[in-house]
Amino acid sequence: MTIGYCRVSASDQKEDLKRQVGNVSQYCIAKGYSFRIIEDLGSGLNYKKKGYVNSFS
């Protein structure tokens, strides 16, 4: 399973987030990957954010 992570820093960038998700999805499909996309909205990566699973710790 491949995970695509798409993030923008502000809510007024939702169209940019949609574009990112589309581009990452198209790439994964072209490569034949089984994938899921994580979408995030925020100015920084927060490992304690509700709903965020940090599988590297």
Protein backbone atom coordinates (compact mmCIF):
# COMPACT_ATOMS: atom_id res chain seq x y z
CA MET A 1 0.00 0.00 0.00
CA THR A 2 1.31 3.44 -0.96
CA ILE A 3 0.31 6.51 1.04
CA GLY A 4 0.12 9.90 -0.66
CA TYR A 5 0.24 12.90 1.67
CA CYS A 6 -1.26 16.17 0.41
CA ARG A 7 -1.28 19.33 2.51
CA VAL A 8 -2.03 23.01 2.28
CA SER A 9 -1.48 25.57 4.99
CA ALA A 10 -4.76 27.52 4.88
CA SER A 11 -8.43 26.82 4.30
CA ASP A 12 -8.52 29.26 1.37
CA GLN A 13 -6.21 26.85 -0.51
CA LYS A 14 -8.78 24.04 -0.75
CA GLU A 15 -8.67 24.16 -4.56
CA ASP A 16 -4.90 23.67 -4.39
CA LEU A 17 -5.44 20.66 -2.13
CA LYS A 18 -7.91 19.15 -4.61
CA ARG A 19 -5.36 19.66 -7.38
CA GLN A 20 -2.62 18.00 -5.31
CA VAL A 21 -4.86 15.02 -4.55
CA GLY A 22 -5.71 14.68 -8.24
CA ASN A 23 -2.08 14.82 -9.32
CA VAL A 24 -0.88 12.34 -6.70
CA SER A 25 -3.78 10.00 -7.50
CA GLN A 26 -3.03 10.13 -11.23
CA TYR A 27 0.63 9.35 -10.54
CA CYS A 28 -0.22 6.38 -8.33
CA ILE A 29 -2.70 5.03 -10.88
CA ALA A 30 -0.14 5.38 -13.69
CA LYS A 31 2.39 3.44 -11.63
CA GLY A 32 -0.16 0.74 -10.78
CA TYR A 33 0.07 1.39 -7.04
CA SER A 34 -2.55 0.38 -4.51
CA PHE A 35 -2.83 3.66 -2.59
CA ARG A 36 -4.61 5.90 -0.14
CA ILE A 37 -4.39 9.68 0.08
CA ILE A 38 -4.09 11.57 3.34
CA GLU A 39 -5.30 15.16 3.08
CA ASP A 40 -4.17 17.71 5.66
CA LEU A 41 -4.84 21.35 6.34
CA GLY A 42 -2.40 23.19 8.58
CA SER A 43 0.71 25.29 8.76
CA GLY A 44 2.91 22.51 10.10
CA LEU A 45 3.10 18.78 10.67
CA ASN A 46 1.62 17.92 14.06
CA TYR A 47 2.16 14.30 15.14
CA LYS A 48 -0.41 14.66 17.93
CA LYS A 49 -3.16 15.91 15.62
CA LYS A 50 -6.44 14.04 16.01
CA GLY A 51 -6.81 11.45 13.26
CA TYR A 52 -3.11 11.45 12.33
CA VAL A 53 -1.40 8.12 12.79
CA ASN A 54 2.35 8.21 13.11
CA SER A 55 3.53 4.71 12.21
CA PHE A 56 7.21 5.68 12.43
CA SER A 57 7.49 6.13 16.18
